Amino acid sequence: MTDTPSDHLSAELTIHLKNESGVLRAFITLLEKEQQALLLPDSDLLLTLAEEKTQATHKLADLSNLRRRNLNLKADSLDTTAWIEKNAPESLSAWKEVRELATRAHQLNQTNGEVIQLKLRSNQKALTVLLGASENAAGLYGRDGQTNLPISGRTLGNV
């Protein structure tokens, strides 16, 4: 049995795709940690995770670009599966794994983004309340040091 160029291509592509799967798994782990950290009141861990997530994203982009160059695919080509089926069918299962992991990472990232938006809205509401309270409290004392409380519609002792 002799190795054909197609066998060599499939072997190289499979190794590359398995590497990409490993990086995707690590990225998913980061996203899961981020999700847990988002549920905690202390957000210090999020800063560390954001940096790690950025590095992992760059690594994934580099691997994806390398794969596209090696397969001679245009940047807008969405037909990687068809190319692999035709030129390196032994790599198809590794490609499907990459796609499944990428889908999982996308879902986790979407969920984390939604949680961040909810927290942001909650924080914005709390900030608005605090700013409103501080503006009301600013008028409690006049220049003479005497209390200057805002008067409601009715004075004490009147019905």
Protein backbone atom coordinates (compact mmCIF):
# COMPACT_ATOMS: atom_id res chain seq x y z
CA MET A 1 0.00 0.00 0.00
CA THR A 2 1.46 3.36 -1.04
CA ASP A 3 0.77 6.76 0.42
CA THR A 4 -0.92 9.14 -1.99
CA PRO A 5 -0.76 12.94 -1.82
CA SER A 6 -4.36 12.79 -0.61
CA ASP A 7 -3.35 10.53 2.31
CA HIS A 8 -0.53 12.91 3.26
CA LEU A 9 -2.88 15.91 3.01
CA SER A 10 -5.50 14.16 5.14
CA ALA A 11 -2.94 13.27 7.80
CA GLU A 12 -1.61 16.85 7.99
CA LEU A 13 -5.08 18.33 7.99
CA THR A 14 -6.26 15.93 10.69
CA ILE A 15 -3.30 16.92 12.90
CA HIS A 16 -4.06 20.61 12.33
CA LEU A 17 -7.76 20.13 13.08
CA LYS A 18 -7.01 18.19 16.26
CA ASN A 19 -4.76 21.07 17.36
CA GLU A 20 -7.57 23.51 16.58
CA SER A 21 -9.98 21.33 18.59
CA GLY A 22 -7.62 21.44 21.57
CA VAL A 23 -7.46 25.23 21.46
CA LEU A 24 -11.26 25.38 21.14
CA ARG A 25 -11.65 23.13 24.20
CA ALA A 26 -9.38 25.44 26.21
CA PHE A 27 -11.40 28.43 24.96
CA ILE A 28 -14.65 26.75 26.03
CA THR A 29 -13.15 26.17 29.48
CA LEU A 30 -12.32 29.89 29.68
CA LEU A 31 -15.88 30.78 28.67
CA GLU A 32 -17.28 28.45 31.33
CA LYS A 33 -15.00 30.05 33.95
CA GLU A 34 -16.13 33.47 32.74
CA GLN A 35 -19.76 32.43 33.13
CA GLN A 36 -19.15 31.30 36.71
CA ALA A 37 -17.24 34.51 37.49
CA LEU A 38 -20.11 36.59 36.11
CA LEU A 39 -22.38 35.09 38.76
CA LEU A 40 -20.04 36.13 41.58
CA PRO A 41 -20.26 39.56 43.20
CA ASP A 42 -16.48 40.14 42.86
CA SER A 43 -15.42 40.83 39.29
CA ASP A 44 -11.61 40.75 39.71
CA LEU A 45 -11.36 37.32 38.09
CA LEU A 46 -13.08 38.67 34.97
CA LEU A 47 -10.11 40.91 34.17
CA THR A 48 -7.72 37.95 34.15
CA LEU A 49 -10.13 35.84 32.12
CA ALA A 50 -10.63 38.65 29.61
CA GLU A 51 -6.90 38.75 28.91
CA GLU A 52 -6.71 34.97 28.55
CA LYS A 53 -9.79 34.99 26.36
CA THR A 54 -8.27 37.62 24.07
CA GLN A 55 -5.09 35.57 23.68
CA ALA A 56 -7.09 32.41 22.94
CA THR A 57 -9.21 34.28 20.40
CA HIS A 58 -6.09 35.44 18.57
CA LYS A 59 -4.70 31.92 18.58
CA LEU A 60 -7.97 30.53 17.19
CA ALA A 61 -8.04 33.20 14.47
CA ASP A 62 -4.45 32.35 13.51
CA LEU A 63 -5.27 28.63 13.32
CA SER A 64 -8.37 29.31 11.25
CA ASN A 65 -6.45 31.55 8.85
CA LEU A 66 -3.68 28.98 8.53
CA ARG A 67 -6.23 26.25 7.79
CA ARG A 68 -7.87 28.40 5.11
CA ARG A 69 -4.51 29.18 3.50
CA ASN A 70 -3.49 25.53 3.54
CA LEU A 71 -6.79 24.52 1.96
CA ASN A 72 -6.54 27.41 -0.53
CA LEU A 73 -9.97 28.67 0.50
CA LYS A 74 -11.07 32.23 0.00
CA ALA A 75 -11.89 34.18 3.18
CA ASP A 76 -15.58 34.28 2.24
CA SER A 77 -15.79 30.59 1.36
CA LEU A 78 -18.15 28.65 3.57
CA ASP A 79 -17.66 25.37 1.76
CA THR A 80 -14.85 23.88 3.84
CA THR A 81 -16.87 20.73 4.46
CA ALA A 82 -17.32 20.11 0.74
CA TRP A 83 -13.61 20.68 0.14
CA ILE A 84 -12.64 18.21 2.87
CA GLU A 85 -15.15 15.63 1.61
CA LYS A 86 -13.59 15.86 -1.85
CA ASN A 87 -9.87 16.23 -1.03
CA ALA A 88 -9.27 14.80 2.46
CA PRO A 89 -12.25 12.65 3.48
CA GLU A 90 -10.31 11.01 6.33
CA SER A 91 -10.23 14.43 8.04
CA LEU A 92 -13.99 14.88 7.97
CA SER A 93 -14.63 13.64 11.52
CA ALA A 94 -11.93 15.98 12.89
CA TRP A 95 -13.53 18.87 10.96
CA LYS A 96 -16.97 18.04 12.34
CA GLU A 97 -15.51 18.09 15.86
CA VAL A 98 -14.03 21.55 15.24
CA ARG A 99 -17.41 22.77 14.00
CA GLU A 100 -19.26 21.34 17.04
CA LEU A 101 -16.77 22.89 19.46
CA ALA A 102 -16.96 26.24 17.65
CA THR A 103 -20.76 26.13 17.91
CA ARG A 104 -20.52 25.42 21.65
CA ALA A 105 -18.04 28.27 22.13
CA HIS A 106 -20.33 30.63 20.21
CA GLN A 107 -23.32 29.67 22.37
CA LEU A 108 -21.38 30.17 25.60
CA ASN A 109 -20.04 33.51 24.40
CA GLN A 110 -23.57 34.66 23.49
CA THR A 111 -24.90 33.64 26.91
CA ASN A 112 -22.04 35.40 28.69
CA GLY A 113 -22.70 38.52 26.65
CA GLU A 114 -26.36 38.46 27.69
CA VAL A 115 -25.40 38.08 31.36
CA ILE A 116 -22.99 41.01 31.01
CA GLN A 117 -25.75 43.14 29.47
CA LEU A 118 -28.11 42.27 32.36
CA LYS A 119 -25.46 43.20 34.93
CA LEU A 120 -24.68 46.39 33.06
CA ARG A 121 -28.34 47.45 33.06
CA SER A 122 -28.63 46.61 36.76
CA ASN A 123 -25.51 48.61 37.56
CA GLN A 124 -26.76 51.52 35.47
CA LYS A 125 -30.05 51.56 37.39
CA ALA A 126 -28.22 51.47 40.73
CA LEU A 127 -25.93 54.29 39.60
CA THR A 128 -28.94 56.37 38.54
CA VAL A 129 -30.56 55.86 41.95
CA LEU A 130 -27.35 56.80 43.75
CA LEU A 131 -26.83 59.90 41.63
CA GLY A 132 -30.43 60.95 42.24
CA ALA A 133 -30.01 60.45 45.99
CA SER A 134 -26.79 62.46 46.03
CA GLU A 135 -28.42 65.34 44.16
CA ASN A 136 -31.28 65.38 46.70
CA ALA A 137 -28.85 65.16 49.61
CA ALA A 138 -26.78 68.05 48.26
CA GLY A 139 -29.51 70.50 49.29
CA LEU A 140 -29.81 69.30 52.90
CA TYR A 141 -27.73 72.16 54.38
CA GLY A 142 -27.72 75.79 53.38
CA ARG A 143 -24.74 78.18 53.37
CA ASP A 144 -25.42 79.04 56.98
CA GLY A 145 -25.06 75.37 58.03
CA GLN A 146 -28.75 75.05 58.84
CA THR A 147 -30.81 72.21 57.43
CA ASN A 148 -32.54 73.04 54.24
CA LEU A 149 -34.82 70.06 53.69
CA PRO A 150 -36.98 70.05 50.64
CA ILE A 151 -40.56 70.81 51.61
CA SER A 152 -43.22 68.33 50.67
CA GLY A 153 -46.71 69.43 49.83
CA ARG A 154 -47.84 69.55 53.49
CA THR A 155 -46.31 70.99 56.68
CA LEU A 156 -46.22 69.09 59.92
CA GLY A 157 -49.25 69.51 62.15
CA ASN A 158 -51.58 70.37 59.30
CA VAL A 159 -54.19 68.04 57.99
